Amino acid sequence: MKVAEKTNGSVQSTTDRRDEAIVIPSVNGKSKNDVQNFKSEVKQQEKSEVKNVTETEKPKEFFKPVLNLEATLKAVDDLHRRSIQRINLLSRINQLEDFEITLIEEGDELETNHFQGCQLIISDDKGRKFVTQTAGLIKLVAEFIHTACLEKLSEIEANIVFPRP
């Protein structure tokens, strides 16, 4: 039988539909009245459990432990270290942005890439070098460095919080 036939076209609440969806197999010849009694008992138990939980649970007062001097100093040192990292990243980001702005201002208006005429040099401890003047590659490296610095900056700033005791 469809829901519309059972309800004669009227709107049915979700609890009524849920109750109809519960199928309890007959055990030891239990009748339909036994099933309905079981459903009403379950509803009563749920209501009493909710009542018991709300009545018995009162706000408990918790004592927050206070940080000792060593823990406080350690937290301050950690925040100071992160603050210095943040300042260094901001400096690096500003330096790169200023460099690009200067290139754009001084560059030829006909050039599509303002890194035209720049040189990228990567060197190691042993004096080996990688040098390129490819403007497209330099632009990609500059964009990557800028994006990586911004991501690291947001990560560091998210971790600069006062510790809660």
N, C-alpha and C. Protein backbone atom coordinates (compact mmCIF):
# COMPACT_ATOMS: atom_id res chain seq x y z
N MET A 1 0.84 -1.17 0.00
CA MET A 1 0.00 0.00 0.00
C MET A 1 0.89 1.24 0.00
N LYS A 2 0.56 2.20 -0.82
CA LYS A 2 1.35 3.41 -0.94
C LYS A 2 0.98 4.39 0.15
N VAL A 3 1.88 5.33 0.41
CA VAL A 3 1.67 6.32 1.46
C VAL A 3 0.43 7.14 1.19
N ALA A 4 0.19 7.52 -0.06
CA ALA A 4 -0.96 8.32 -0.41
C ALA A 4 -2.26 7.58 -0.11
N GLU A 5 -2.26 6.26 -0.32
CA GLU A 5 -3.45 5.47 -0.04
C GLU A 5 -3.69 5.37 1.46
N LYS A 6 -2.63 5.25 2.25
CA LYS A 6 -2.76 5.13 3.69
C LYS A 6 -3.27 6.42 4.32
N THR A 7 -2.78 7.53 3.82
CA THR A 7 -3.11 8.81 4.44
C THR A 7 -4.25 9.51 3.73
N ASN A 8 -4.78 8.89 2.69
CA ASN A 8 -5.88 9.46 1.93
C ASN A 8 -5.51 10.82 1.35
N GLY A 9 -4.22 10.96 0.96
CA GLY A 9 -3.77 12.18 0.31
C GLY A 9 -3.32 13.27 1.26
N SER A 10 -3.46 13.07 2.58
CA SER A 10 -3.06 14.12 3.52
C SER A 10 -1.56 14.06 3.78
N VAL A 11 -1.04 15.15 4.30
CA VAL A 11 0.39 15.23 4.58
C VAL A 11 0.68 14.45 5.85
N GLN A 12 1.77 13.72 5.82
CA GLN A 12 2.12 12.87 6.95
C GLN A 12 3.43 13.36 7.56
N SER A 13 3.52 13.37 8.89
CA SER A 13 4.74 13.85 9.54
C SER A 13 5.86 12.83 9.37
N THR A 14 7.08 13.30 9.54
CA THR A 14 8.23 12.40 9.37
C THR A 14 8.26 11.33 10.44
N THR A 15 7.78 11.64 11.65
CA THR A 15 7.78 10.62 12.71
C THR A 15 6.78 9.52 12.38
N ASP A 16 5.63 9.91 11.80
CA ASP A 16 4.65 8.88 11.41
C ASP A 16 5.21 8.00 10.32
N ARG A 17 5.88 8.63 9.33
CA ARG A 17 6.48 7.84 8.25
C ARG A 17 7.58 6.94 8.78
N ARG A 18 8.37 7.45 9.76
CA ARG A 18 9.44 6.65 10.33
C ARG A 18 8.86 5.46 11.07
N ASP A 19 7.75 5.70 11.81
CA ASP A 19 7.13 4.61 12.56
C ASP A 19 6.58 3.55 11.63
N GLU A 20 6.02 3.98 10.48
CA GLU A 20 5.51 3.01 9.52
C GLU A 20 6.64 2.22 8.88
N ALA A 21 7.80 2.86 8.75
CA ALA A 21 8.92 2.19 8.11
C ALA A 21 9.55 1.14 9.00
N ILE A 22 9.29 1.21 10.33
CA ILE A 22 9.86 0.22 11.24
C ILE A 22 9.13 -1.09 11.05
N VAL A 23 9.87 -2.09 10.71
CA VAL A 23 9.29 -3.40 10.51
C VAL A 23 9.82 -4.31 11.60
N ILE A 24 8.92 -4.81 12.43
CA ILE A 24 9.32 -5.71 13.50
C ILE A 24 8.72 -7.07 13.18
N PRO A 25 9.57 -8.06 13.00
CA PRO A 25 9.04 -9.37 12.67
C PRO A 25 8.27 -9.94 13.86
N SER A 26 7.26 -10.71 13.55
CA SER A 26 6.49 -11.30 14.64
C SER A 26 7.31 -12.40 15.28
N VAL A 27 7.37 -12.32 16.60
CA VAL A 27 8.12 -13.29 17.36
C VAL A 27 7.16 -13.99 18.31
N ASN A 28 7.16 -15.30 18.27
CA ASN A 28 6.29 -16.10 19.13
C ASN A 28 4.83 -15.69 19.00
N GLY A 29 4.41 -15.33 17.80
CA GLY A 29 3.01 -15.03 17.52
C GLY A 29 2.52 -13.74 18.12
N LYS A 30 3.36 -12.71 18.22
CA LYS A 30 2.95 -11.41 18.76
C LYS A 30 1.96 -10.76 17.78
N SER A 31 1.02 -10.08 18.30
CA SER A 31 0.01 -9.45 17.45
C SER A 31 0.41 -8.03 17.09
N LYS A 32 -0.44 -7.38 16.27
CA LYS A 32 -0.20 -6.00 15.85
C LYS A 32 -0.27 -5.06 17.05
N ASN A 33 -1.13 -5.35 18.00
CA ASN A 33 -1.24 -4.53 19.21
C ASN A 33 0.05 -4.57 20.01
N ASP A 34 0.69 -5.75 20.05
CA ASP A 34 1.96 -5.87 20.76
C ASP A 34 3.02 -4.99 20.11
N VAL A 35 3.03 -4.94 18.78
CA VAL A 35 3.99 -4.11 18.05
C VAL A 35 3.74 -2.64 18.34
N GLN A 36 2.48 -2.23 18.35
CA GLN A 36 2.15 -0.84 18.65
C GLN A 36 2.52 -0.49 20.09
N ASN A 37 2.29 -1.41 21.01
CA ASN A 37 2.68 -1.18 22.40
C ASN A 37 4.19 -1.03 22.52
N PHE A 38 4.93 -1.85 21.75
CA PHE A 38 6.38 -1.78 21.77
C PHE A 38 6.85 -0.42 21.27
N LYS A 39 6.22 0.08 20.18
CA LYS A 39 6.58 1.39 19.64
C LYS A 39 6.32 2.49 20.66
N SER A 40 5.20 2.45 21.32
CA SER A 40 4.89 3.50 22.30
C SER A 40 5.84 3.42 23.50
N GLU A 41 6.24 2.23 23.90
CA GLU A 41 7.20 2.08 24.99
C GLU A 41 8.56 2.68 24.61
N VAL A 42 8.97 2.45 23.36
CA VAL A 42 10.24 3.00 22.89
C VAL A 42 10.17 4.52 22.91
N LYS A 43 9.07 5.11 22.45
CA LYS A 43 8.92 6.57 22.46
C LYS A 43 8.97 7.11 23.89
N GLN A 44 8.31 6.43 24.82
CA GLN A 44 8.31 6.87 26.21
C GLN A 44 9.72 6.80 26.80
N GLN A 45 10.44 5.75 26.47
CA GLN A 45 11.81 5.61 26.97
C GLN A 45 12.70 6.73 26.43
N GLU A 46 12.54 7.04 25.14
CA GLU A 46 13.34 8.13 24.55
C GLU A 46 13.04 9.45 25.24
N LYS A 47 11.77 9.73 25.50
CA LYS A 47 11.40 10.97 26.17
C LYS A 47 11.96 11.03 27.58
N SER A 48 11.87 9.93 28.30
CA SER A 48 12.37 9.93 29.68
C SER A 48 13.89 10.05 29.71
N GLU A 49 14.58 9.45 28.72
CA GLU A 49 16.04 9.57 28.67
C GLU A 49 16.45 11.01 28.41
N VAL A 50 15.74 11.68 27.51
CA VAL A 50 16.04 13.08 27.23
C VAL A 50 15.80 13.92 28.46
N LYS A 51 14.70 13.66 29.19
CA LYS A 51 14.39 14.39 30.40
C LYS A 51 15.47 14.17 31.45
N ASN A 52 15.88 12.92 31.63
CA ASN A 52 16.88 12.60 32.64
C ASN A 52 18.22 13.28 32.33
N VAL A 53 18.59 13.30 31.08
CA VAL A 53 19.86 13.92 30.70
C VAL A 53 19.83 15.41 30.98
N THR A 54 18.74 16.07 30.63
CA THR A 54 18.68 17.52 30.82
C THR A 54 18.53 17.89 32.28
N GLU A 55 17.85 17.06 33.07
CA GLU A 55 17.66 17.38 34.48
C GLU A 55 18.91 17.13 35.29
N THR A 56 19.61 16.04 35.02
CA THR A 56 20.76 15.67 35.85
C THR A 56 22.03 16.41 35.46
N GLU A 57 22.16 16.80 34.21
CA GLU A 57 23.38 17.48 33.78
C GLU A 57 23.27 18.97 34.02
N LYS A 58 23.94 19.42 35.01
CA LYS A 58 24.03 20.85 35.30
C LYS A 58 25.43 21.30 34.94
N PRO A 59 25.60 22.56 34.61
CA PRO A 59 26.94 23.02 34.25
C PRO A 59 27.93 22.77 35.38
N LYS A 60 29.00 22.11 35.03
CA LYS A 60 30.04 21.81 36.01
C LYS A 60 31.10 22.91 35.94
N GLU A 61 31.60 23.26 37.09
CA GLU A 61 32.66 24.26 37.12
C GLU A 61 34.00 23.56 37.02
N PHE A 62 34.75 23.95 36.05
CA PHE A 62 36.07 23.37 35.86
C PHE A 62 37.12 24.38 36.29
N PHE A 63 38.12 23.89 36.97
CA PHE A 63 39.23 24.74 37.33
C PHE A 63 40.27 24.65 36.24
N LYS A 64 40.58 25.78 35.65
CA LYS A 64 41.57 25.80 34.59
C LYS A 64 42.96 25.88 35.21
N PRO A 65 43.82 24.96 34.84
CA PRO A 65 45.17 25.02 35.39
C PRO A 65 45.91 26.24 34.85
N VAL A 66 46.63 26.87 35.70
CA VAL A 66 47.41 28.05 35.32
C VAL A 66 48.79 27.58 34.86
N LEU A 67 49.27 28.19 33.76
CA LEU A 67 50.59 27.83 33.28
C LEU A 67 51.64 28.30 34.28
N ASN A 68 52.60 27.45 34.53
CA ASN A 68 53.68 27.87 35.42
C ASN A 68 54.63 28.78 34.64
N LEU A 69 55.61 29.31 35.31
CA LEU A 69 56.50 30.29 34.70
C LEU A 69 57.26 29.70 33.52
N GLU A 70 57.75 28.48 33.65
CA GLU A 70 58.51 27.85 32.55
C GLU A 70 57.64 27.67 31.31
N ALA A 71 56.41 27.20 31.51
CA ALA A 71 55.51 26.99 30.37
C ALA A 71 55.15 28.32 29.72
N THR A 72 54.96 29.35 30.52
CA THR A 72 54.64 30.68 29.99
C THR A 72 55.80 31.22 29.17
N LEU A 73 57.02 31.11 29.69
CA LEU A 73 58.20 31.60 28.96
C LEU A 73 58.41 30.82 27.67
N LYS A 74 58.17 29.52 27.71
CA LYS A 74 58.30 28.71 26.50
C LYS A 74 57.28 29.15 25.45
N ALA A 75 56.05 29.41 25.88
CA ALA A 75 55.01 29.86 24.95
C ALA A 75 55.37 31.22 24.36
N VAL A 76 55.91 32.11 25.18
CA VAL A 76 56.32 33.44 24.69
C VAL A 76 57.46 33.32 23.69
N ASP A 77 58.44 32.45 23.97
CA ASP A 77 59.55 32.24 23.03
C ASP A 77 59.06 31.69 21.70
N ASP A 78 58.11 30.74 21.78
CA ASP A 78 57.57 30.16 20.56
C ASP A 78 56.82 31.20 19.74
N LEU A 79 56.03 32.04 20.40
CA LEU A 79 55.33 33.12 19.70
C LEU A 79 56.30 34.13 19.10
N HIS A 80 57.38 34.41 19.81
CA HIS A 80 58.40 35.35 19.31
C HIS A 80 59.07 34.78 18.05
N ARG A 81 59.39 33.49 18.08
CA ARG A 81 60.02 32.85 16.93
C ARG A 81 59.08 32.90 15.71
N ARG A 82 57.82 32.61 15.93
CA ARG A 82 56.85 32.66 14.82
C ARG A 82 56.66 34.08 14.31
N SER A 83 56.71 35.04 15.22
CA SER A 83 56.59 36.44 14.83
C SER A 83 57.76 36.86 13.95
N ILE A 84 58.97 36.42 14.29
CA ILE A 84 60.15 36.73 13.47
C ILE A 84 60.02 36.08 12.09
N GLN A 85 59.54 34.82 12.04
CA GLN A 85 59.33 34.15 10.75
C GLN A 85 58.33 34.94 9.91
N ARG A 86 57.28 35.42 10.54
CA ARG A 86 56.26 36.20 9.83
C ARG A 86 56.87 37.47 9.26
N ILE A 87 57.66 38.18 10.07
CA ILE A 87 58.30 39.42 9.61
C ILE A 87 59.23 39.15 8.43
N ASN A 88 60.00 38.07 8.50
CA ASN A 88 60.91 37.71 7.40
C ASN A 88 60.14 37.39 6.12
N LEU A 89 59.05 36.66 6.24
CA LEU A 89 58.25 36.35 5.06
C LEU A 89 57.63 37.60 4.46
N LEU A 90 57.11 38.48 5.31
CA LEU A 90 56.54 39.73 4.81
C LEU A 90 57.60 40.55 4.08
N SER A 91 58.80 40.56 4.61
CA SER A 91 59.90 41.28 3.97
C SER A 91 60.21 40.69 2.60
N ARG A 92 60.28 39.37 2.53
CA ARG A 92 60.57 38.69 1.27
C ARG A 92 59.47 38.95 0.23
N ILE A 93 58.21 38.90 0.67
CA ILE A 93 57.08 39.15 -0.24
C ILE A 93 57.13 40.59 -0.74
N ASN A 94 57.34 41.52 0.16
CA ASN A 94 57.41 42.94 -0.25
C ASN A 94 58.58 43.21 -1.19
N GLN A 95 59.71 42.58 -0.93
CA GLN A 95 60.89 42.75 -1.79
C GLN A 95 60.60 42.26 -3.21
N LEU A 96 59.96 41.10 -3.32
CA LEU A 96 59.63 40.56 -4.63
C LEU A 96 58.60 41.44 -5.35
N GLU A 97 57.59 41.91 -4.62
CA GLU A 97 56.57 42.77 -5.23
C GLU A 97 57.17 44.11 -5.68
N ASP A 98 58.04 44.67 -4.85
CA ASP A 98 58.70 45.93 -5.23
C ASP A 98 59.56 45.75 -6.47
N PHE A 99 60.26 44.63 -6.56
CA PHE A 99 61.10 44.34 -7.73
C PHE A 99 60.25 44.27 -8.99
N GLU A 100 59.11 43.57 -8.90
CA GLU A 100 58.23 43.45 -10.06
C GLU A 100 57.63 44.80 -10.45
N ILE A 101 57.24 45.59 -9.46
CA ILE A 101 56.66 46.90 -9.75
C ILE A 101 57.69 47.79 -10.45
N THR A 102 58.93 47.75 -9.98
CA THR A 102 59.99 48.53 -10.61
C THR A 102 60.21 48.07 -12.04
N LEU A 103 60.22 46.76 -12.27
CA LEU A 103 60.39 46.23 -13.62
C LEU A 103 59.26 46.69 -14.54
N ILE A 104 58.06 46.67 -14.02
CA ILE A 104 56.91 47.07 -14.84
C ILE A 104 56.99 48.55 -15.19
N GLU A 105 57.36 49.37 -14.19
CA GLU A 105 57.45 50.82 -14.43
C GLU A 105 58.56 51.17 -15.40
N GLU A 106 59.69 50.49 -15.31
CA GLU A 106 60.83 50.80 -16.17
C GLU A 106 60.78 50.07 -17.50
N GLY A 107 59.96 49.05 -17.57
CA GLY A 107 59.95 48.21 -18.77
C GLY A 107 59.33 48.87 -19.97
N ASP A 108 59.58 48.24 -21.09
CA ASP A 108 59.03 48.69 -22.35
C ASP A 108 57.55 48.28 -22.40
N GLU A 109 56.69 49.18 -22.81
CA GLU A 109 55.26 48.90 -22.85
C GLU A 109 54.91 47.82 -23.87
N LEU A 110 55.75 47.59 -24.83
CA LEU A 110 55.47 46.60 -25.86
C LEU A 110 55.77 45.17 -25.40
N GLU A 111 56.55 45.02 -24.34
CA GLU A 111 56.92 43.69 -23.85
C GLU A 111 55.76 43.09 -23.07
N THR A 112 55.48 41.82 -23.34
CA THR A 112 54.40 41.14 -22.64
C THR A 112 54.86 40.60 -21.30
N ASN A 113 56.15 40.35 -21.16
CA ASN A 113 56.68 39.82 -19.91
C ASN A 113 57.67 40.83 -19.35
N HIS A 114 57.38 41.36 -18.19
CA HIS A 114 58.23 42.39 -17.61
C HIS A 114 59.56 41.84 -17.08
N PHE A 115 59.75 40.54 -17.12
CA PHE A 115 61.01 39.95 -16.70
C PHE A 115 62.02 39.86 -17.85
N GLN A 116 61.66 40.45 -18.99
CA GLN A 116 62.56 40.48 -20.13
C GLN A 116 63.83 41.22 -19.74
N GLY A 117 64.97 40.62 -19.98
CA GLY A 117 66.25 41.23 -19.64
C GLY A 117 66.74 40.87 -18.24
N CYS A 118 65.98 40.07 -17.50
CA CYS A 118 66.41 39.64 -16.16
C CYS A 118 67.23 38.36 -16.28
N GLN A 119 67.91 38.04 -15.22
CA GLN A 119 68.74 36.86 -15.18
C GLN A 119 68.47 36.13 -13.86
N LEU A 120 68.28 34.83 -13.96
CA LEU A 120 68.07 34.00 -12.77
C LEU A 120 69.31 33.16 -12.57
N ILE A 121 69.89 33.25 -11.37
CA ILE A 121 71.11 32.50 -11.06
C ILE A 121 70.85 31.66 -9.82
N ILE A 122 71.11 30.36 -9.95
CA ILE A 122 71.05 29.45 -8.81
C ILE A 122 72.45 28.89 -8.64
N SER A 123 72.99 29.06 -7.42
CA SER A 123 74.35 28.56 -7.19
C SER A 123 74.37 27.72 -5.92
N ASP A 124 75.38 26.84 -5.82
CA ASP A 124 75.51 26.00 -4.64
C ASP A 124 76.81 26.33 -3.90
N ASP A 125 77.10 25.57 -2.85
CA ASP A 125 78.28 25.82 -2.01
C ASP A 125 79.59 25.59 -2.75
N LYS A 126 79.56 24.74 -3.75
CA LYS A 126 80.79 24.39 -4.46
C LYS A 126 81.06 25.31 -5.65
N GLY A 127 80.28 26.35 -5.79
CA GLY A 127 80.52 27.32 -6.85
C GLY A 127 79.87 26.96 -8.18
N ARG A 128 79.10 25.88 -8.24
CA ARG A 128 78.39 25.54 -9.48
C ARG A 128 77.20 26.47 -9.63
N LYS A 129 76.89 26.83 -10.87
CA LYS A 129 75.82 27.79 -11.11
C LYS A 129 74.90 27.31 -12.22
N PHE A 130 73.66 27.71 -12.08
CA PHE A 130 72.68 27.56 -13.15
C PHE A 130 72.22 28.97 -13.47
N VAL A 131 72.36 29.37 -14.73
CA VAL A 131 72.02 30.73 -15.14
C VAL A 131 71.05 30.65 -16.31
N THR A 132 69.97 31.43 -16.24
CA THR A 132 69.04 31.50 -17.36
C THR A 132 68.54 32.94 -17.51
N GLN A 133 68.24 33.28 -18.74
CA GLN A 133 67.68 34.60 -19.03
C GLN A 133 66.31 34.45 -19.69
N THR A 134 65.74 33.27 -19.61
CA THR A 134 64.43 33.02 -20.20
C THR A 134 63.36 33.71 -19.36
N ALA A 135 62.73 34.71 -19.94
CA ALA A 135 61.77 35.54 -19.20
C ALA A 135 60.57 34.73 -18.70
N GLY A 136 60.10 33.79 -19.50
CA GLY A 136 58.96 32.97 -19.09
C GLY A 136 59.27 32.11 -17.88
N LEU A 137 60.47 31.52 -17.88
CA LEU A 137 60.89 30.69 -16.75
C LEU A 137 61.08 31.54 -15.50
N ILE A 138 61.65 32.71 -15.65
CA ILE A 138 61.86 33.60 -14.50
C ILE A 138 60.52 34.05 -13.93
N LYS A 139 59.56 34.32 -14.80
CA LYS A 139 58.22 34.71 -14.35
C LYS A 139 57.58 33.59 -13.55
N LEU A 140 57.69 32.35 -14.04
CA LEU A 140 57.12 31.21 -13.32
C LEU A 140 57.77 31.02 -11.94
N VAL A 141 59.08 31.17 -11.88
CA VAL A 141 59.80 31.03 -10.60
C VAL A 141 59.36 32.13 -9.64
N ALA A 142 59.25 33.35 -10.11
CA ALA A 142 58.83 34.46 -9.25
C ALA A 142 57.41 34.25 -8.74
N GLU A 143 56.51 33.79 -9.60
CA GLU A 143 55.13 33.51 -9.18
C GLU A 143 55.10 32.38 -8.15
N PHE A 144 55.90 31.34 -8.38
CA PHE A 144 55.95 30.22 -7.44
C PHE A 144 56.45 30.68 -6.07
N ILE A 145 57.51 31.47 -6.06
CA ILE A 145 58.06 31.96 -4.79
C ILE A 145 57.04 32.83 -4.06
N HIS A 146 56.36 33.69 -4.79
CA HIS A 146 55.35 34.57 -4.20
C HIS A 146 54.22 33.75 -3.58
N THR A 147 53.71 32.78 -4.32
CA THR A 147 52.62 31.92 -3.83
C THR A 147 53.06 31.11 -2.62
N ALA A 148 54.26 30.54 -2.67
CA ALA A 148 54.76 29.73 -1.55
C ALA A 148 54.93 30.58 -0.30
N CYS A 149 55.41 31.81 -0.47
CA CYS A 149 55.58 32.69 0.69
C CYS A 149 54.23 33.07 1.29
N LEU A 150 53.23 33.33 0.45
CA LEU A 150 51.91 33.67 0.97
C LEU A 150 51.27 32.50 1.72
N GLU A 151 51.45 31.28 1.20
CA GLU A 151 50.92 30.10 1.88
C GLU A 151 51.60 29.89 3.22
N LYS A 152 52.91 30.02 3.25
CA LYS A 152 53.65 29.86 4.50
C LYS A 152 53.26 30.96 5.50
N LEU A 153 53.06 32.16 5.01
CA LEU A 153 52.65 33.27 5.86
C LEU A 153 51.30 32.98 6.52
N SER A 154 50.35 32.51 5.74
CA SER A 154 49.03 32.21 6.32
C SER A 154 49.12 31.06 7.32
N GLU A 155 49.99 30.10 7.06
CA GLU A 155 50.19 28.98 7.99
C GLU A 155 50.79 29.48 9.31
N ILE A 156 51.78 30.34 9.23
CA ILE A 156 52.42 30.88 10.43
C ILE A 156 51.44 31.75 11.20
N GLU A 157 50.70 32.60 10.50
CA GLU A 157 49.74 33.47 11.17
C GLU A 157 48.64 32.69 11.86
N ALA A 158 48.26 31.54 11.29
CA ALA A 158 47.24 30.71 11.92
C ALA A 158 47.74 30.10 13.22
N ASN A 159 49.05 29.92 13.33
CA ASN A 159 49.62 29.31 14.53
C ASN A 159 50.06 30.33 15.58
N ILE A 160 49.88 31.61 15.29
CA ILE A 160 50.21 32.63 16.28
C ILE A 160 48.96 32.90 17.11
N VAL A 161 48.83 32.16 18.20
CA VAL A 161 47.69 32.31 19.11
C VAL A 161 48.21 32.24 20.54
N PHE A 162 47.53 32.90 21.43
CA PHE A 162 47.91 32.82 22.83
C PHE A 162 47.46 31.46 23.37
N PRO A 163 48.30 30.81 24.11
CA PRO A 163 47.92 29.50 24.64
C PRO A 163 46.83 29.66 25.70
N ARG A 164 45.93 28.73 25.68
CA ARG A 164 44.84 28.74 26.67
C ARG A 164 45.18 27.73 27.76
N PRO A 165 45.10 28.16 28.97
CA PRO A 165 45.42 27.22 30.06
C PRO A 165 44.35 26.17 30.21
